[in-house]
Every structure is written in structure tokens, then in C-alpha cells.
């Protein structure tokens, strides 16, 4: 139990202790002199395609690596989250191959 001395009464008459400031916004650091670089040209279709192909390759490689490790350790074959992600990305890139792979 908490002692009465641990709690304070605020201006509205509400009682609060350590958890009284839970919903308050933390102070923000000054943003003067801090600017985010902006790419004025945006992304080109080629950059998007390249990024999607790289993502597909990375996910496939990750899934293959996880499968190989699981087989070595004698873990059951199916890793549902990795397989589902790999399948979804593969299906996504197969929807319109020329758009994503320039082929």
C-alpha cells in the first residue's frame, strides 16, 4: 500500500502519484536548425521496381536460410509466418511481372 504522503493533489483536486502524468505529452526538443532532406524528384518507376525486386530476393533468401537451419536442427518443416510472407510477396510480384521486374 502507498502512504498518503506519496500522493499529491493537483489544481483540479484530483489525486495522483507516479502514474498521474501517464497521459501527458512529453516535452519536445527544439526543432530549430533541424531540417529533413527532401527528394524533390521523388521515386522513379525504375527505383520502385528495383526496390521491390530486392525485397523479394531478400525475403526469399531469408525463407531459404530459415528452412535450411530448421532442417539441420530437426525442427518441423513449416514456419507459417515466413512461408506466408514469402508466398504473399511472390504472388504480389507475379500479378504483373513486367511492372515489377522489367521483364
Protein backbone atom coordinates (compact mmCIF):
# COMPACT_ATOMS: atom_id res chain seq x y z
CA UNK A 1 0.00 0.00 0.00
CA UNK A 2 1.04 3.57 -0.58
CA UNK A 3 1.20 6.17 2.13
CA UNK A 4 -0.97 9.22 1.81
CA UNK A 5 2.21 11.30 1.70
CA UNK A 6 3.17 9.77 -1.67
CA UNK A 7 0.19 11.32 -3.45
CA UNK A 8 -0.26 14.94 -4.38
CA UNK A 9 -3.41 16.85 -5.09
CA UNK A 10 -3.33 18.90 -8.27
CA UNK A 11 -5.13 22.18 -9.02
CA UNK A 12 -8.33 20.35 -10.06
CA UNK A 13 -8.47 18.50 -6.78
CA UNK A 14 -7.54 15.17 -8.37
CA UNK A 15 -5.18 12.91 -6.52
CA UNK A 16 -2.26 11.46 -8.43
CA UNK A 17 1.09 9.90 -7.79
CA UNK A 18 3.73 8.44 -10.08
CA UNK A 19 1.14 7.45 -12.69
CA UNK A 20 -0.58 10.83 -12.74
CA UNK A 21 1.40 12.04 -15.76
CA UNK A 22 0.89 8.90 -17.85
CA UNK A 23 -1.27 10.59 -20.48
CA UNK A 24 0.74 13.76 -20.74
CA UNK A 25 2.70 14.61 -23.88
CA UNK A 26 6.46 14.54 -23.26
CA UNK A 27 8.37 17.75 -23.93
CA UNK A 28 9.72 18.02 -27.46
CA UNK A 29 13.25 19.04 -28.31
CA UNK A 30 13.54 22.33 -30.20
CA UNK A 31 13.49 21.77 -33.96
CA UNK A 32 15.28 24.97 -34.93
CA UNK A 33 18.05 24.22 -37.37
CA UNK A 34 16.89 20.64 -37.93
CA UNK A 35 15.59 20.04 -41.41
CA UNK A 36 14.82 16.77 -43.12
CA UNK A 37 16.28 16.34 -46.60
CA UNK A 38 13.58 16.25 -49.25
CA UNK A 39 13.95 14.46 -52.56
CA UNK A 40 12.30 16.89 -54.96
CA UNK A 41 12.28 14.43 -57.86
CA UNK A 42 10.53 11.64 -55.97
CA UNK A 43 10.99 7.99 -56.77
CA UNK A 44 11.07 6.82 -60.35
CA UNK A 45 9.31 3.66 -61.52
CA UNK A 46 12.68 2.03 -62.02
CA UNK A 47 13.70 2.72 -58.43
CA UNK A 48 10.43 1.27 -57.14
CA UNK A 49 10.82 -1.82 -59.33
CA UNK A 50 14.41 -2.30 -58.22
CA UNK A 51 13.43 -1.96 -54.56
CA UNK A 52 10.59 -4.47 -54.92
CA UNK A 53 12.87 -6.99 -56.64
CA UNK A 54 15.48 -6.55 -53.89
CA UNK A 55 12.80 -7.04 -51.24
CA UNK A 56 11.55 -10.20 -52.96
CA UNK A 57 15.07 -11.58 -53.16
CA UNK A 58 15.77 -10.74 -49.52
CA UNK A 59 12.55 -12.39 -48.31
CA UNK A 60 13.20 -15.47 -50.43
CA UNK A 61 16.78 -15.73 -49.19
CA UNK A 62 15.62 -15.31 -45.59
CA UNK A 63 12.99 -18.04 -46.01
CA UNK A 64 15.53 -20.39 -47.61
CA UNK A 65 18.04 -19.73 -44.82
CA UNK A 66 15.44 -20.34 -42.14
CA UNK A 67 14.34 -23.56 -43.85
CA UNK A 68 17.93 -24.82 -44.09
CA UNK A 69 18.57 -24.04 -40.41
CA UNK A 70 15.33 -25.73 -39.37
CA UNK A 71 16.20 -28.86 -41.34
CA UNK A 72 19.65 -29.01 -39.74
CA UNK A 73 18.17 -28.66 -36.26
CA UNK A 74 15.39 -31.19 -36.87
CA UNK A 75 12.64 -28.60 -36.37
CA UNK A 76 9.32 -29.32 -38.12
CA UNK A 77 9.32 -28.03 -41.71
CA UNK A 78 6.59 -25.40 -41.68
CA UNK A 79 7.36 -21.90 -40.42
CA UNK A 80 3.96 -20.32 -41.09
CA UNK A 81 4.85 -16.60 -40.82
CA UNK A 82 7.94 -16.86 -43.03
CA UNK A 83 6.19 -19.07 -45.59
CA UNK A 84 3.13 -16.83 -45.69
CA UNK A 85 5.23 -13.68 -46.18
CA UNK A 86 7.30 -15.34 -48.90
CA UNK A 87 4.17 -16.59 -50.68
CA UNK A 88 2.43 -13.22 -50.49
CA UNK A 89 5.41 -11.34 -51.87
CA UNK A 90 5.88 -13.90 -54.64
CA UNK A 91 2.16 -13.65 -55.56
CA UNK A 92 2.34 -9.86 -55.45
CA UNK A 93 5.24 -9.72 -57.89
CA UNK A 94 3.58 -12.30 -60.17
CA UNK A 95 0.42 -10.19 -60.56
CA UNK A 96 2.10 -8.05 -63.19
CA UNK A 97 5.70 -9.21 -63.74
CA UNK A 98 6.73 -6.54 -66.30
CA UNK A 99 5.78 -3.77 -63.90
CA UNK A 100 7.89 -5.11 -61.04
CA UNK A 101 10.72 -6.93 -62.76
CA UNK A 102 11.05 -5.10 -66.11
CA UNK A 103 10.79 -8.41 -67.97
